Amino acid sequence: MKTRTSILLFSFVAGITLLGAGCTNNTDIVIPPETATQPTAIQNNPTPQPIVKPYIKVIYPNGNEIFNPGQIVTIKWDSDGVDKIYLSMVNGGKEFGQIAENSIDASLKEYTWTVPDNFAGVESGYKIFISNNSVNEDIRDSSNGTFSIKSAPVAVQPFLKLTAPTGDQQFKIGQKVTISWTSSGVNKVYLSLVNGGKEFGQITENGIDASLGKYEWTVPDMSDLGTTGYKIFITNNEAVNELRDSSSVSFSIVK
């Protein structure tokens, strides 16, 4: 029994020795397919892009501006996802017509506008309203605050009126007399002394600034021509639109 055990032990050891020797001489070690490491595939997933909701925003005018009729103003806006925009002016929620007759390319971001006259003398409370005017998805905005449009100046018809001397006075030779007048739309006035429709020369050699409204005149000696029937004549001396006036009643010049 002891001999059989020894033989089995020797056979096992010999087998292990031969296996070790075989591995030592063989430099190619084969790894079974099921145990080989497989390369990991790199997935190139695109970065998700944020979804931008279409919008329109008025940039200028945006409130507290004061414009004059006829002034050139650049309306500015920002937008995304919008092709065309429509501009109008509103006041108190009421629209006063389109600023531009046709649609405007939204990508332009600005539009040159000539400010109109205000409506019925209303100077304040105006806003710019902008919209894509779409039935499916109406996108709109307006100025955050209101702006003003000054009233157009009222055209005044030019006039010239002599206010003194108006007549029935008696002046002495050498006396200082104030000739006065009112005017509008007149640059210069010319003064002369007349009697019976005849002019006796200019009171001043050159024209007088009409805005002064008066001139200090020294009464001349007219004794050779008589003492009564004198008037002051005033004119702007313009060929196209001549304005003139004179004393309503004559005055006298005495010694």
Protein backbone atom coordinates (compact mmCIF):
# COMPACT_ATOMS: atom_id res chain seq x y z
CA MET A 1 0.00 0.00 0.00
CA LYS A 2 2.86 2.29 0.83
CA THR A 3 4.57 1.49 -2.46
CA ARG A 4 1.41 2.37 -4.50
CA THR A 5 1.10 5.76 -2.84
CA SER A 6 4.70 6.59 -3.61
CA ILE A 7 4.27 5.72 -7.26
CA LEU A 8 1.20 8.00 -7.62
CA LEU A 9 2.96 10.89 -5.91
CA PHE A 10 5.95 10.55 -8.22
CA SER A 11 3.75 10.51 -11.29
CA PHE A 12 1.96 13.74 -10.20
CA VAL A 13 5.22 15.59 -9.51
CA ALA A 14 6.68 14.47 -12.82
CA GLY A 15 3.66 15.74 -14.66
CA ILE A 16 3.95 19.15 -13.05
CA THR A 17 7.66 19.30 -13.91
CA LEU A 18 7.05 18.49 -17.57
CA LEU A 19 4.28 21.09 -17.82
CA GLY A 20 6.59 23.74 -16.36
CA ALA A 21 9.31 22.81 -18.73
CA GLY A 22 6.96 23.08 -21.70
CA CYS A 23 5.87 26.59 -20.71
CA THR A 24 9.44 27.70 -20.31
CA ASN A 25 10.38 26.75 -23.86
CA ASN A 26 7.27 28.20 -25.49
CA THR A 27 7.43 32.05 -25.83
CA ASP A 28 3.99 32.42 -27.51
CA ILE A 29 1.27 32.45 -24.93
CA VAL A 30 -2.19 32.26 -26.45
CA ILE A 31 -5.00 33.93 -24.56
CA PRO A 32 -8.40 32.42 -25.18
CA PRO A 33 -10.75 34.65 -27.13
CA GLU A 34 -13.24 34.83 -24.33
CA THR A 35 -10.67 36.36 -21.96
CA ALA A 36 -9.15 38.98 -24.40
CA THR A 37 -9.73 42.67 -23.60
CA GLN A 38 -11.96 44.31 -26.25
CA PRO A 39 -11.45 48.09 -27.14
CA THR A 40 -14.24 50.35 -25.94
CA ALA A 41 -16.05 52.23 -28.76
CA ILE A 42 -16.02 56.08 -28.32
CA GLN A 43 -19.41 57.57 -28.96
CA ASN A 44 -19.41 61.10 -30.53
CA ASN A 45 -22.76 62.49 -29.36
CA PRO A 46 -23.47 66.11 -30.46
CA THR A 47 -23.92 68.75 -27.71
CA PRO A 48 -27.62 69.58 -27.46
CA GLN A 49 -28.36 73.16 -28.61
CA PRO A 50 -30.73 75.34 -26.55
CA ILE A 51 -34.05 76.08 -28.19
CA VAL A 52 -34.44 79.87 -28.71
CA LYS A 53 -37.99 81.12 -28.65
CA PRO A 54 -38.70 83.70 -31.41
CA TYR A 55 -38.88 87.22 -30.06
CA ILE A 56 -38.93 90.93 -31.00
CA LYS A 57 -37.75 93.74 -28.72
CA VAL A 58 -37.90 97.51 -29.30
CA ILE A 59 -34.53 99.11 -28.49
CA TYR A 60 -35.13 102.76 -29.52
CA PRO A 61 -37.07 104.92 -28.95
CA ASN A 62 -37.81 103.37 -25.59
CA GLY A 63 -39.20 106.28 -23.58
CA ASN A 64 -38.58 109.87 -22.41
CA GLU A 65 -37.41 111.11 -25.83
CA ILE A 66 -38.65 114.43 -27.26
CA PHE A 67 -38.88 114.73 -31.05
CA ASN A 68 -39.78 117.53 -33.45
CA PRO A 69 -42.00 117.10 -36.51
CA GLY A 70 -39.80 116.35 -39.52
CA GLN A 71 -36.93 115.06 -37.38
CA ILE A 72 -35.08 111.97 -38.66
CA VAL A 73 -35.09 109.15 -36.07
CA THR A 74 -33.57 105.67 -36.35
CA ILE A 75 -35.95 103.07 -34.90
CA LYS A 76 -33.95 100.09 -33.59
CA TRP A 77 -34.98 96.62 -32.50
CA ASP A 78 -33.59 93.16 -31.70
CA SER A 79 -35.17 89.90 -32.87
CA ASP A 80 -34.61 86.20 -33.44
CA GLY A 81 -36.64 83.65 -35.36
CA VAL A 82 -38.56 86.42 -37.16
CA ASP A 83 -38.38 87.16 -40.89
CA LYS A 84 -40.44 90.33 -41.33
CA ILE A 85 -41.61 93.04 -38.96
CA TYR A 86 -44.23 95.79 -39.13
CA LEU A 87 -43.89 99.18 -37.42
CA SER A 88 -46.57 101.57 -36.21
CA MET A 89 -46.98 104.42 -33.75
CA VAL A 90 -49.51 104.15 -30.94
CA ASN A 91 -50.86 106.43 -28.24
CA GLY A 92 -53.04 105.19 -25.42
CA GLY A 93 -53.38 101.83 -27.15
CA LYS A 94 -54.67 103.44 -30.35
CA GLU A 95 -52.69 102.94 -33.55
CA PHE A 96 -52.03 105.90 -35.81
CA GLY A 97 -51.24 103.98 -39.00
CA GLN A 98 -48.20 102.07 -40.20
CA ILE A 99 -44.83 103.81 -40.00
CA ALA A 100 -43.75 101.86 -43.09
CA GLU A 101 -46.25 100.87 -45.77
CA ASN A 102 -44.64 97.46 -46.31
CA SER A 103 -43.00 94.89 -44.07
CA ILE A 104 -39.33 95.31 -43.14
CA ASP A 105 -36.61 92.66 -43.11
CA ALA A 106 -36.20 91.88 -39.40
CA SER A 107 -32.45 91.23 -39.80
CA LEU A 108 -31.88 94.92 -40.65
CA LYS A 109 -32.43 95.76 -36.96
CA GLU A 110 -33.21 99.44 -37.75
CA TYR A 111 -35.42 101.73 -39.84
CA THR A 112 -35.05 105.44 -40.63
CA TRP A 113 -38.25 107.28 -39.72
CA THR A 114 -39.34 110.87 -40.34
CA VAL A 115 -41.32 112.03 -37.30
CA PRO A 116 -44.79 113.26 -38.31
CA ASP A 117 -46.81 116.07 -36.77
CA ASN A 118 -48.49 115.11 -33.52
CA PHE A 119 -52.19 114.30 -33.59
CA ALA A 120 -54.71 116.98 -32.61
CA GLY A 121 -52.08 118.83 -30.59
CA VAL A 122 -51.35 115.82 -28.34
CA GLU A 123 -47.61 116.03 -27.63
CA SER A 124 -47.02 113.12 -25.21
CA GLY A 125 -47.88 109.44 -24.71
CA TYR A 126 -46.48 107.99 -27.95
CA LYS A 127 -44.87 104.56 -28.37
CA ILE A 128 -43.37 102.48 -31.18
CA PHE A 129 -45.24 99.20 -31.74
CA ILE A 130 -43.53 96.33 -33.57
CA SER A 131 -45.00 92.97 -34.63
CA ASN A 132 -44.39 90.09 -37.03
CA ASN A 133 -48.12 90.28 -37.87
CA SER A 134 -48.42 86.50 -37.96
CA VAL A 135 -51.75 84.72 -37.55
CA ASN A 136 -50.12 81.52 -36.28
CA GLU A 137 -47.67 83.04 -33.79
CA ASP A 138 -48.10 86.76 -33.21
CA ILE A 139 -44.88 88.16 -31.73
CA ARG A 140 -44.96 91.79 -30.62
CA ASP A 141 -43.35 94.45 -28.47
CA SER A 142 -43.55 98.20 -27.87
CA SER A 143 -41.49 100.98 -26.28
CA ASN A 144 -41.18 100.53 -22.52
CA GLY A 145 -41.93 104.20 -21.94
CA THR A 146 -43.58 106.97 -23.95
CA PHE A 147 -41.97 109.71 -26.02
CA SER A 148 -43.21 113.16 -27.06
CA ILE A 149 -43.69 114.98 -30.35
CA LYS A 150 -43.65 118.76 -30.09
CA SER A 151 -46.31 120.75 -31.87
CA ALA A 152 -45.29 122.19 -35.22
CA PRO A 153 -44.79 125.96 -35.08
CA VAL A 154 -47.78 127.86 -36.38
CA ALA A 155 -46.96 129.73 -39.56
CA VAL A 156 -47.35 133.47 -39.02
CA GLN A 157 -48.06 135.74 -41.95
CA PRO A 158 -45.35 138.42 -42.16
CA PHE A 159 -46.62 141.87 -41.18
CA LEU A 160 -45.36 145.36 -40.45
CA LYS A 161 -47.27 148.08 -38.57
CA LEU A 162 -46.24 151.58 -37.52
CA THR A 163 -47.30 152.33 -33.93
CA ALA A 164 -45.86 155.87 -33.42
CA PRO A 165 -46.16 158.60 -34.40
CA THR A 166 -49.72 157.91 -35.49
CA GLY A 167 -50.74 161.52 -36.15
CA ASP A 168 -52.27 164.68 -34.68
CA GLN A 169 -49.00 165.44 -32.90
CA GLN A 170 -46.98 168.62 -33.18
CA PHE A 171 -43.22 168.30 -33.13
CA LYS A 172 -40.58 170.98 -32.90
CA ILE A 173 -37.52 171.17 -35.09
CA GLY A 174 -34.65 169.31 -33.38
CA GLN A 175 -36.98 167.39 -31.06
CA LYS A 176 -36.19 163.75 -30.32
CA VAL A 177 -39.10 161.53 -31.37
CA THR A 178 -39.37 157.77 -30.95
CA ILE A 179 -40.61 156.06 -34.10
CA SER A 180 -41.94 152.60 -33.17
CA TRP A 181 -43.41 149.60 -34.98
CA THR A 182 -44.37 145.96 -34.61
CA SER A 183 -43.45 143.27 -37.11
CA SER A 184 -43.13 139.55 -37.79
CA GLY A 185 -41.23 137.74 -40.51
CA VAL A 186 -39.35 140.96 -41.34
CA ASN A 187 -35.57 141.35 -41.18
CA LYS A 188 -35.05 145.05 -41.84
CA VAL A 189 -37.21 148.16 -42.02
CA TYR A 190 -36.67 151.44 -43.86
CA LEU A 191 -38.06 154.76 -42.58
CA SER A 192 -38.81 157.93 -44.49
CA LEU A 193 -40.70 161.22 -44.04
CA VAL A 194 -43.53 161.94 -46.51
CA ASN A 195 -45.94 164.75 -47.17
CA GLY A 196 -48.82 164.60 -49.62
CA GLY A 197 -47.57 161.27 -50.93
CA LYS A 198 -44.11 162.68 -51.66
CA GLU A 199 -41.05 161.27 -49.94
CA PHE A 200 -38.44 163.60 -48.49
CA GLY A 201 -35.58 161.15 -48.28
CA GLN A 202 -34.71 158.27 -45.96
CA ILE A 203 -34.72 159.01 -42.26
CA THR A 204 -31.81 156.53 -42.02
CA GLU A 205 -29.32 155.75 -44.77
CA ASN A 206 -29.42 152.00 -44.12
CA GLY A 207 -32.09 149.55 -43.06
CA ILE A 208 -32.80 149.05 -39.35
CA ASP A 209 -33.03 145.68 -37.61
CA ALA A 210 -36.81 145.09 -37.46
CA SER A 211 -36.53 143.26 -34.14
CA LEU A 212 -35.45 146.53 -32.43
CA GLY A 213 -38.98 147.84 -32.80
CA LYS A 214 -38.01 151.51 -32.48
CA TYR A 215 -35.72 154.28 -33.69
CA GLU A 216 -34.83 157.66 -32.13
CA TRP A 217 -35.43 160.37 -34.77
CA THR A 218 -34.37 164.00 -34.65
CA VAL A 219 -37.09 166.14 -36.26
CA PRO A 220 -35.61 168.09 -39.22
CA ASP A 221 -36.28 171.65 -40.26
CA MET A 222 -39.06 171.47 -42.88
CA SER A 223 -40.20 175.13 -42.63
CA ASP A 224 -39.57 175.77 -46.34
CA LEU A 225 -42.21 173.09 -47.20
CA GLY A 226 -44.83 174.02 -44.62
CA THR A 227 -45.68 172.82 -41.16
CA THR A 228 -48.54 170.33 -41.66
CA GLY A 229 -49.35 167.11 -43.53
CA TYR A 230 -46.33 165.01 -42.49
CA LYS A 231 -46.32 161.26 -41.97
CA ILE A 232 -43.78 158.52 -41.21
CA PHE A 233 -43.58 155.82 -43.87
CA ILE A 234 -42.15 152.35 -43.06
CA THR A 235 -41.42 149.41 -45.40
CA ASN A 236 -39.35 146.22 -45.59
CA ASN A 237 -38.31 147.32 -49.07
CA GLU A 238 -38.59 143.86 -50.60
CA ALA A 239 -39.53 143.44 -54.23
CA VAL A 240 -41.25 140.04 -53.87
CA ASN A 241 -43.23 140.52 -50.67
CA GLU A 242 -43.22 144.22 -49.87
CA LEU A 243 -44.79 145.24 -46.58
CA ARG A 244 -45.54 148.88 -45.81
CA ASP A 245 -47.40 151.14 -43.43
CA SER A 246 -47.56 154.81 -42.44
CA SER A 247 -48.97 157.14 -39.82
CA SER A 248 -52.75 156.96 -39.93
CA VAL A 249 -53.06 160.74 -39.49
CA SER A 250 -50.55 163.49 -40.34
CA PHE A 251 -48.58 165.47 -37.78
CA SER A 252 -47.02 168.95 -37.78
CA ILE A 253 -43.46 170.24 -37.61
CA VAL A 254 -43.02 173.70 -36.11
CA LYS A 255 -40.20 175.91 -34.94
